[in-house]
Protein backbone atom coordinates (compact mmCIF):
# COMPACT_ATOMS: atom_id res chain seq x y z
CA MET A 1 10.19 -6.10 -4.48
CA GLU A 2 12.71 -7.64 -6.85
CA VAL A 3 12.60 -5.32 -10.14
CA GLU A 4 12.26 -8.64 -12.08
CA VAL A 5 9.22 -9.22 -10.43
CA LEU A 6 7.52 -6.31 -10.54
CA PHE A 7 8.35 -6.89 -14.44
CA GLN A 8 6.42 -10.35 -14.97
CA GLU A 9 3.90 -9.22 -12.87
CA HIS A 10 3.06 -6.94 -15.26
CA LYS A 11 3.92 -8.39 -17.99
CA TYR A 12 1.33 -11.17 -16.56
CA LYS A 13 -1.71 -8.63 -16.07
CA LEU A 14 -1.13 -7.36 -19.57
CA GLY A 15 -1.05 -10.80 -21.13
CA LYS A 16 -4.80 -11.18 -19.81
CA ARG A 17 -5.90 -8.23 -20.38
CA VAL A 18 -5.18 -9.16 -23.99
CA ASP A 19 -6.16 -12.86 -23.75
CA ARG A 20 -9.59 -11.33 -22.99
CA GLY A 21 -9.30 -8.48 -25.69
CA PHE A 22 -8.43 -11.70 -28.10
CA ALA A 23 -11.65 -13.97 -26.64
CA TYR A 24 -14.02 -10.76 -27.75
CA LEU A 25 -12.40 -10.23 -31.37
CA MET A 26 -12.46 -14.06 -32.03
CA VAL A 27 -16.46 -14.65 -31.30
CA LEU A 28 -16.66 -11.38 -33.33
CA GLN A 29 -14.80 -12.59 -36.10
CA TRP A 30 -16.48 -16.07 -36.06
CA VAL A 31 -20.14 -14.32 -36.19
CA LEU A 32 -18.64 -12.10 -39.07
CA ALA A 33 -17.21 -15.11 -41.10
CA ILE A 34 -20.32 -17.00 -40.82
CA LEU A 35 -22.03 -13.69 -42.30
CA LEU A 36 -20.08 -13.10 -44.58
CA ALA A 37 -20.44 -16.93 -46.46
CA VAL A 38 -24.38 -16.82 -45.73
CA PHE A 39 -24.43 -13.68 -47.85
CA VAL A 40 -22.00 -13.86 -50.30
CA SER A 41 -22.73 -17.65 -51.50
CA PRO A 42 -25.03 -19.46 -49.04
CA LEU A 43 -26.06 -22.23 -51.74
CA THR A 44 -25.34 -24.17 -54.95
CA TRP A 45 -27.10 -25.34 -57.50
CA SER A 46 -27.40 -28.12 -59.84
CA GLY A 47 -30.40 -27.72 -61.97
CA ASP A 48 -33.61 -27.66 -59.94
CA SER A 49 -32.12 -28.48 -56.87
CA SER A 50 -29.64 -26.68 -54.35
CA SER A 51 -27.48 -27.31 -51.42
CA ILE A 52 -26.05 -25.35 -48.70
CA HIS A 53 -22.06 -23.75 -50.16
CA MET A 54 -19.23 -25.24 -48.59
CA HIS A 55 -18.38 -21.82 -47.36
CA VAL A 56 -21.03 -21.75 -44.73
CA TRP A 57 -20.25 -24.81 -43.25
CA MET A 58 -16.49 -23.91 -43.37
CA ALA A 59 -17.20 -20.80 -41.61
CA ILE A 60 -18.89 -22.45 -38.98
CA PHE A 61 -16.94 -25.06 -37.89
CA LEU A 62 -13.50 -24.01 -38.64
CA GLY A 63 -14.10 -20.73 -37.38
CA GLY A 64 -15.43 -22.48 -34.44
CA ILE A 65 -12.30 -24.60 -34.03
CA PHE A 66 -10.46 -20.86 -34.46
CA THR A 67 -12.44 -19.54 -31.76
CA SER A 68 -12.60 -22.40 -28.93
CA LEU A 69 -9.41 -22.98 -27.87
CA PRO A 70 -8.44 -19.00 -27.77
CA VAL A 71 -11.58 -18.51 -25.88
CA TYR A 72 -10.90 -21.47 -23.39
CA TYR A 73 -7.10 -19.86 -22.17
CA ALA A 74 -8.65 -16.43 -22.11
CA ILE A 75 -11.24 -17.82 -19.49
CA PHE A 76 -10.13 -20.79 -17.65
CA ASN A 77 -6.14 -20.08 -18.37
CA PRO A 78 -5.64 -16.34 -18.98
CA GLY A 79 -1.75 -14.68 -19.11
CA GLN A 80 -0.56 -17.92 -20.01
CA LYS A 81 2.47 -18.57 -23.04
CA ILE A 82 1.11 -21.22 -24.51
CA GLY A 83 -2.35 -19.68 -24.70
CA ARG A 84 -0.90 -16.43 -26.63
CA TYR A 85 0.63 -18.68 -29.14
CA VAL A 86 -2.87 -20.64 -29.59
CA ILE A 87 -4.13 -17.21 -29.84
CA ALA A 88 -1.80 -15.73 -32.21
CA ILE A 89 -2.34 -18.98 -34.58
CA ALA A 90 -6.01 -18.98 -34.17
CA GLN A 91 -5.93 -15.22 -35.39
CA MET A 92 -3.51 -15.87 -38.45
CA GLY A 93 -6.03 -19.15 -39.30
CA PHE A 94 -9.01 -16.62 -39.10
CA SER A 95 -7.29 -14.24 -41.75
CA THR A 96 -6.76 -16.96 -43.86
CA LEU A 97 -10.21 -17.83 -43.50
CA PHE A 98 -11.38 -14.83 -44.45
CA ILE A 99 -9.47 -14.31 -47.60
CA HIS A 100 -10.50 -17.54 -48.92
CA LEU A 101 -14.29 -16.72 -48.36
CA MET A 102 -14.05 -13.51 -50.38
CA GLY A 103 -12.44 -15.28 -52.79
CA GLY A 104 -8.87 -13.92 -52.87
CA ARG A 105 -9.70 -10.51 -52.97
CA ILE A 106 -7.03 -8.00 -52.37
CA GLU A 107 -8.81 -5.97 -49.69
CA ALA A 108 -8.99 -9.81 -47.73
CA HIS A 109 -5.56 -9.28 -47.42
CA PHE A 110 -4.88 -6.55 -45.49
CA HIS A 111 -7.16 -8.73 -42.18
CA ILE A 112 -3.52 -10.31 -42.03
CA PHE A 113 -1.46 -7.19 -41.06
CA GLY A 114 -4.55 -5.72 -39.11
CA SER A 115 -4.10 -9.40 -37.41
CA LEU A 116 -0.12 -8.98 -36.49
CA ALA A 117 -1.01 -5.66 -35.36
CA PHE A 118 -3.44 -7.19 -32.95
CA LEU A 119 -0.66 -9.83 -31.67
CA SER A 120 1.86 -7.01 -31.41
CA ALA A 121 -0.29 -6.40 -28.02
CA TYR A 122 1.29 -8.56 -26.21
CA ARG A 123 4.54 -6.40 -26.42
CA GLU A 124 6.51 -9.75 -27.57
CA TRP A 125 8.35 -9.75 -31.06
CA ARG A 126 8.96 -13.73 -30.97
CA LEU A 127 4.83 -13.90 -30.58
CA LEU A 128 4.87 -12.31 -34.30
CA ILE A 129 7.21 -15.13 -36.03
CA LEU A 130 4.77 -18.23 -36.17
CA PRO A 131 1.66 -16.39 -37.24
CA SER A 132 4.06 -14.73 -40.24
CA LEU A 133 5.20 -17.74 -41.30
CA LEU A 134 1.81 -19.31 -41.29
CA ALA A 135 0.30 -16.73 -43.41
CA ILE A 136 3.76 -16.83 -45.75
CA ALA A 137 3.45 -20.90 -45.95
CA ASP A 138 -0.79 -20.60 -46.51
CA HIS A 139 0.17 -18.14 -49.62
CA LEU A 140 2.80 -20.64 -50.86
CA ILE A 141 0.77 -23.35 -50.82
CA ARG A 142 -2.88 -22.46 -51.99
CA GLY A 143 -0.74 -20.70 -54.27
CA ILE A 144 0.76 -23.82 -56.18
CA TYR A 145 -2.57 -25.71 -55.48
CA PHE A 146 -5.85 -23.31 -55.45
CA PRO A 147 -4.64 -19.90 -56.27
CA LEU A 148 -8.16 -18.88 -57.12
CA SER A 149 -8.66 -18.81 -53.06
CA VAL A 150 -5.90 -16.80 -52.29
CA TYR A 151 -5.51 -14.80 -55.21
CA GLY A 152 -8.72 -14.61 -56.96
CA VAL A 153 -7.08 -15.13 -60.28
CA MET A 154 -5.84 -18.88 -61.88
CA SER A 155 -2.82 -17.96 -63.64
CA GLY A 156 0.59 -16.17 -63.27
CA VAL A 157 0.77 -16.12 -59.51
CA GLU A 158 3.65 -18.31 -59.09
CA TRP A 159 5.89 -16.30 -57.48
CA ARG A 160 3.44 -13.73 -55.96
CA TRP A 161 4.04 -15.32 -52.52
CA LEU A 162 7.04 -13.51 -52.30
CA GLU A 163 5.68 -10.28 -52.27
CA HIS A 164 3.72 -10.89 -49.92
CA ALA A 165 5.72 -12.64 -47.64
CA GLY A 166 8.02 -8.83 -48.30
CA TRP A 167 5.36 -6.98 -46.89
CA ILE A 168 4.87 -9.18 -43.87
CA LEU A 169 8.47 -9.43 -43.16
CA PHE A 170 8.51 -5.42 -43.49
CA GLU A 171 5.85 -5.33 -40.78
CA ASP A 172 6.74 -7.30 -38.42
CA LEU A 173 10.09 -5.57 -37.99
CA PHE A 174 8.53 -2.59 -37.05
CA LEU A 175 6.46 -4.35 -34.84
CA GLY A 176 9.07 -6.03 -33.39
CA TYR A 177 11.13 -2.72 -33.11
CA MET A 178 8.02 -1.24 -31.26
CA CYS A 179 7.56 -4.59 -29.16
CA VAL A 180 11.35 -3.82 -27.91
CA GLN A 181 10.74 -0.48 -27.17
CA ALA A 182 7.83 -1.02 -25.48
CA THR A 183 9.29 -3.96 -22.90
CA ARG A 184 12.38 -1.64 -21.87
CA GLU A 185 9.45 0.95 -21.22
CA MET A 186 7.43 -1.95 -19.07
CA ARG A 187 10.90 -2.58 -17.34
CA GLN A 188 11.69 0.88 -16.33
CA ILE A 189 8.26 1.18 -15.04
CA ALA A 190 8.91 -2.11 -12.86
CA VAL A 191 12.45 -0.09 -11.88
CA THR A 192 10.89 3.03 -10.97
CA LYS A 193 7.95 1.07 -9.37
CA SER A 194 10.56 -0.78 -6.60
CA ASP A 195 12.40 2.08 -6.11
CA LEU A 196 8.99 3.69 -5.02
CA ILE A 197 8.33 0.38 -3.04
CA LYS A 198 11.76 0.82 -1.41
CA ALA A 199 11.12 4.16 -0.85
CA ARG A 200 7.58 3.85 0.86
CA ILE A 201 8.82 0.84 3.36
CA ASN A 202 11.92 3.17 4.38
CA ALA A 203 9.34 5.94 5.26
CA GLU A 204 7.16 3.31 7.06
CA LYS A 205 10.26 2.34 8.88
CA LEU A 206 11.52 5.93 9.38
CA ASN A 207 7.58 7.06 10.63
CA ALA A 208 7.94 3.77 12.95
CA GLY A 209 10.93 5.02 14.94
CA ARG A 210 10.11 8.65 14.99
CA SER A 211 6.74 7.54 16.68
CA HIS A 212 9.04 5.56 19.29
CA PHE A 213 11.09 8.73 19.37
CA PHE A 214 7.84 10.79 20.26
CA SER A 215 6.90 8.81 22.32
CA VAL A 216 9.98 8.45 24.54
CA VAL A 217 10.29 12.27 24.24
CA SER A 218 6.75 12.19 25.81
CA HIS A 219 8.11 10.53 28.95
CA GLU A 220 11.59 11.76 29.57
CA ILE A 221 10.48 15.49 29.12
CA ARG A 222 6.94 15.08 30.30
CA THR A 223 7.67 13.63 33.42
CA PRO A 224 10.39 15.49 35.03
CA LEU A 225 8.96 18.77 33.49
CA ASN A 226 5.64 17.91 35.47
CA GLY A 227 7.76 17.74 38.53
CA ILE A 228 9.35 21.36 38.12
CA ILE A 229 6.00 22.77 37.27
CA GLY A 230 3.98 21.12 40.80
CA PHE A 231 7.49 22.51 42.82
CA THR A 232 6.79 25.49 40.92
CA ASP A 233 3.41 25.78 42.25
CA PHE A 234 4.31 24.92 45.74
CA LEU A 235 6.88 27.51 45.94
CA GLN A 236 4.87 30.28 44.89
CA GLU A 237 2.66 29.02 47.48
CA SER A 238 5.50 29.14 49.80
CA PRO A 239 6.26 32.30 51.94
CA ILE A 240 9.71 33.22 50.09
CA PRO A 241 11.28 36.86 49.72
CA ALA A 242 10.02 38.90 46.78
CA GLU A 243 13.38 38.27 44.49
CA GLN A 244 13.39 34.80 44.28
CA ARG A 245 9.42 34.83 43.93
CA ASP A 246 10.37 36.92 40.70
CA TYR A 247 12.77 34.03 40.20
CA VAL A 248 10.01 31.09 40.72
CA ASN A 249 7.87 33.18 38.57
CA ILE A 250 10.03 32.77 35.69
CA ILE A 251 10.50 29.02 36.21
CA LYS A 252 6.95 28.85 36.12
CA GLN A 253 6.35 30.82 33.02
CA CYS A 254 9.66 28.99 31.18
CA SER A 255 7.92 25.24 32.23
CA ASP A 256 4.77 26.16 31.04
CA THR A 257 6.15 27.33 27.71
CA LEU A 258 8.14 23.88 26.82
CA LEU A 259 5.42 22.15 28.02
CA LYS A 260 3.05 23.98 25.55
CA VAL A 261 5.97 23.19 22.69
CA VAL A 262 6.53 19.45 23.55
CA ASN A 263 2.50 19.65 23.68
CA ASP A 264 2.56 20.80 20.43
CA LEU A 265 5.63 18.62 18.67
CA LEU A 266 3.72 15.45 19.93
CA ASP A 267 0.02 16.61 18.62
CA PHE A 268 1.50 17.74 14.99
CA HIS A 269 3.27 14.30 15.10
CA LYS A 270 0.01 12.66 15.82
CA LEU A 271 -2.44 14.34 13.39
CA ASP A 272 0.93 13.99 10.50
CA SER A 273 0.43 10.16 11.16
CA GLY A 274 -3.65 10.70 11.62
CA ARG A 275 -3.96 9.08 14.76
CA LEU A 276 -5.34 11.53 16.51
CA GLU A 277 -8.96 10.31 17.45
CA LEU A 278 -11.68 12.78 18.18
CA ASP A 279 -14.22 11.99 21.13
CA PRO A 280 -17.15 13.76 20.30
CA HIS A 281 -19.68 14.06 23.64
CA ALA A 282 -22.02 16.72 25.22
CA PHE A 283 -20.96 19.97 26.73
CA LYS A 284 -21.99 23.21 27.83
CA ILE A 285 -20.52 26.68 25.89
CA SER A 286 -20.22 27.92 29.10
CA ASP A 287 -18.13 25.69 30.47
CA VAL A 288 -16.05 26.61 27.48
CA GLN A 289 -16.52 30.28 28.10
CA GLN A 290 -15.42 30.35 31.64
CA TYR A 291 -12.25 28.06 31.05
CA LEU A 292 -11.11 30.70 28.46
CA GLU A 293 -11.90 33.65 31.02
CA ASN A 294 -9.70 31.66 33.73
CA VAL A 295 -7.00 31.41 31.69
CA PHE A 296 -6.36 34.46 29.87
CA SER A 297 -8.09 37.26 32.14
CA LEU A 298 -5.17 37.23 34.30
CA GLU A 299 -2.78 37.33 31.30
CA CYS A 300 -4.61 40.31 29.68
CA GLN A 301 -4.73 42.57 32.81
CA LYS A 302 -0.97 42.01 32.75
CA LYS A 303 -0.72 43.42 29.60
CA ASN A 304 -3.84 46.00 30.08
CA LEU A 305 -5.98 44.07 27.35
CA THR A 306 -9.79 43.69 27.59
CA PHE A 307 -10.78 40.21 26.77
CA SER A 308 -14.34 39.69 26.35
CA MET A 309 -16.31 36.27 24.97
CA ARG A 310 -19.94 36.71 24.10
CA VAL A 311 -22.08 33.82 23.24
CA ALA A 312 -25.37 34.75 20.98
CA SER A 313 -28.59 34.33 22.32
CA GLU A 314 -30.05 31.44 19.64
CA VAL A 315 -26.76 29.40 20.96
CA PRO A 316 -28.23 26.22 22.50
CA VAL A 317 -27.04 26.13 26.16
CA GLU A 318 -25.60 22.82 25.72
CA LEU A 319 -24.33 21.10 22.12
CA TYR A 320 -22.56 18.04 21.11
CA GLY A 321 -18.50 17.81 19.84
CA ASP A 322 -15.44 17.42 21.10
CA SER A 323 -15.22 20.28 23.77
CA HIS A 324 -11.24 19.34 24.75
CA ARG A 325 -10.12 20.20 20.82
CA ILE A 326 -12.69 23.28 20.42
CA ARG A 327 -10.74 24.61 23.68
CA GLN A 328 -7.12 23.39 22.23
CA VAL A 329 -8.01 25.35 19.04
CA LEU A 330 -9.38 28.49 21.11
CA THR A 331 -6.19 28.69 23.46
CA ASN A 332 -3.91 28.38 20.32
CA ILE A 333 -5.71 31.00 18.25
CA ILE A 334 -6.18 33.43 21.77
CA GLY A 335 -2.97 32.82 23.20
CA ASN A 336 -1.54 33.75 19.91
CA ALA A 337 -3.65 36.82 19.86
CA VAL A 338 -2.77 37.99 23.66
CA LYS A 339 1.13 37.20 22.59
CA PHE A 340 0.62 39.68 18.95
CA THR A 341 -1.26 42.57 20.95
CA ASP A 342 0.50 45.40 22.49
CA GLU A 343 -2.84 47.46 23.67
CA GLY A 344 -6.20 47.36 22.70
CA SER A 345 -8.56 44.45 23.16
CA ILE A 346 -9.28 40.55 22.12
CA GLN A 347 -13.02 39.45 21.43
CA VAL A 348 -14.23 36.08 21.08
CA SER A 349 -17.84 35.54 19.63
CA VAL A 350 -19.76 32.35 19.76
CA SER A 351 -23.02 32.22 17.46
CA HIS A 352 -25.13 30.11 15.24
CA TYR A 353 -24.38 29.88 11.48
CA LYS A 354 -26.85 27.76 9.51
CA GLY A 355 -27.99 24.53 9.77
CA ASN A 356 -25.72 22.53 12.71
CA LEU A 357 -23.05 25.21 11.81
CA TYR A 358 -21.87 27.82 14.62
CA ARG A 359 -19.37 29.97 13.67
CA TRP A 360 -16.61 30.94 16.11
CA ASP A 361 -14.73 34.44 15.78
CA ILE A 362 -11.77 36.18 17.64
CA ALA A 363 -10.82 39.55 17.14
CA ASP A 364 -7.83 41.41 18.06
CA THR A 365 -5.99 44.79 18.04
CA GLY A 366 -2.68 43.07 17.53
CA ILE A 367 0.04 43.67 14.78
CA GLY A 368 -1.81 42.21 12.39
CA ILE A 369 -0.36 40.51 9.11
CA LYS A 370 0.38 41.30 5.66
CA LYS A 371 -2.17 40.39 3.17
CA ASP A 372 1.12 37.80 0.98
CA ASN A 373 1.40 36.39 4.46
CA LEU A 374 -2.64 35.24 5.24
CA GLN A 375 -2.09 31.76 4.11
CA LYS A 376 2.19 31.06 5.16
CA ILE A 377 0.70 31.22 8.78
CA PHE A 378 -0.93 28.27 8.50
CA SER A 379 2.21 26.12 7.51
CA PRO A 380 3.99 24.05 10.29
CA TYR A 381 6.90 25.52 11.91
CA THR A 382 6.40 28.86 10.19
CA GLN A 383 5.75 32.25 11.84
CA GLU A 384 5.19 35.52 9.23
CA PHE A 385 8.23 36.50 10.06
CA SER A 386 11.53 35.28 11.57
CA SER A 387 11.71 38.62 13.37
CA THR A 388 8.83 37.64 14.83
CA ALA A 389 10.30 34.14 16.03
CA ARG A 390 13.04 35.85 17.80
CA LYS A 391 10.73 38.41 19.62
CA TYR A 392 7.72 36.36 20.61
CA GLY A 393 8.75 32.90 20.52
CA GLY A 394 6.59 30.10 19.81
CA SER A 395 7.14 26.91 17.98
CA GLY A 396 5.08 28.01 14.89
CA LEU A 397 2.59 24.97 15.08
CA GLY A 398 -0.12 26.61 16.88
CA LEU A 399 -2.27 27.74 13.73
CA SER A 400 -1.45 24.87 11.82
CA ILE A 401 -2.40 22.00 14.41
CA SER A 402 -5.85 24.08 15.15
CA LYS A 403 -6.19 24.07 11.36
CA THR A 404 -6.12 20.50 11.13
CA LEU A 405 -7.91 20.07 14.17
CA VAL A 406 -10.93 22.18 12.74
CA GLU A 407 -10.69 20.32 9.39
CA LEU A 408 -11.33 17.11 11.42
CA MET A 409 -13.71 18.12 13.08
CA GLY A 410 -15.64 19.20 9.53
CA GLY A 411 -15.02 23.04 9.87
CA GLN A 412 -12.67 25.26 7.91
CA LEU A 413 -10.52 28.00 9.92
CA HIS A 414 -9.75 31.46 8.14
CA VAL A 415 -8.22 34.67 8.73
CA GLU A 416 -8.77 38.34 7.87
CA SER A 417 -6.41 40.80 8.75
CA THR A 418 -5.35 44.46 8.35
CA TYR A 419 -1.61 45.06 8.75
CA GLY A 420 -1.05 46.96 12.18
CA LYS A 421 -4.66 47.04 13.19
CA GLY A 422 -5.76 43.55 13.92
CA SER A 423 -6.68 40.11 12.59
CA VAL A 424 -9.87 38.39 12.96
CA PHE A 425 -9.54 34.25 12.85
CA PHE A 426 -13.21 32.39 12.52
CA PHE A 427 -14.13 29.47 12.11
CA THR A 428 -17.35 27.14 11.60
CA LEU A 429 -18.03 23.71 13.15
CA PRO A 430 -20.83 21.18 12.99
CA LEU A 431 -22.41 20.68 15.92
CA LYS A 432 -25.54 19.43 17.24
């Protein structure tokens, strides 16, 4: 969006807000003018007869004229240039009216300076010129023909309008400078906002391109990779020599690792773009237990690790939630536990926490995590040490994805660890 368009839009909104503010101010001043006229000189007397003083009628009708047009523009046509000038003239008209109603008392003249200060809220120095000229002309003309109403005395005020004009011009110079500075700031804000809009548009385009890229990667990599894994499974069941079987097992292991990395990248992209949706459904906790035992029992046997999963008696047989994402979280955490544990055991437990919350604990006797790195491991593409990535492999996305998935399901994932002795990952989930 162009800078000038943003600047004019901001200026228009500012004008609308100030217009509404002046509408309230005009009504308030009208009421005050009437009260001032009523309480100062409500009646004139001629012998035994009395009549309402002209000041009361002046406050009612002249104040009503000053109020009506500004209120009309503020309500029905706010933010317009002509409306601002109408308001400026009317506001200065109220200043001259208050000076007249107070008999030219010196404190009444401060209303002029207040009016100019209020008008500077529009951030337009040109708007101060016309009401200032009106105030100066009022002092000059009334000083000649009605000096008592503007200065409170009848004589010796022939040149006094110059003094008042000097003070008005002095305030105009100060307020004009502040208006110019404020306008520059508004334009700079428009420039910054324009840059931010352009950056957001570019980011959206980049994100759309990245989504397309991941979509292509998903198809171009996973399709041939699934073929490799399928034929590897077929070869493993074939009668082949032992040496070749070892080669096939290595191919299978590498293919599974690569597929997991690709899946992690795609899941992380979906989570990052907010496009991953949950699929809550009824499931049996025993099915999750059987799945985990089938997946990790053999891996643990290869490393001489003890794997066990315990389900507390208070946990219902059937729960309601996204079992696919729960399995994914558990698979990531248990997979890390197996990878970083060389001896000992891995224990998984499920228990009722409170209300509809259920707690999952995954404890291992692995290498552990230093206290300073407990939160670091949940950052994407991050492992505790660079040497860890070289030795154990992995993309560093598993725990980040798991934490985001748990939070997406309404839970919290935490970790407690003693370096060199093992770790305990635990999370709570609301399940029906």
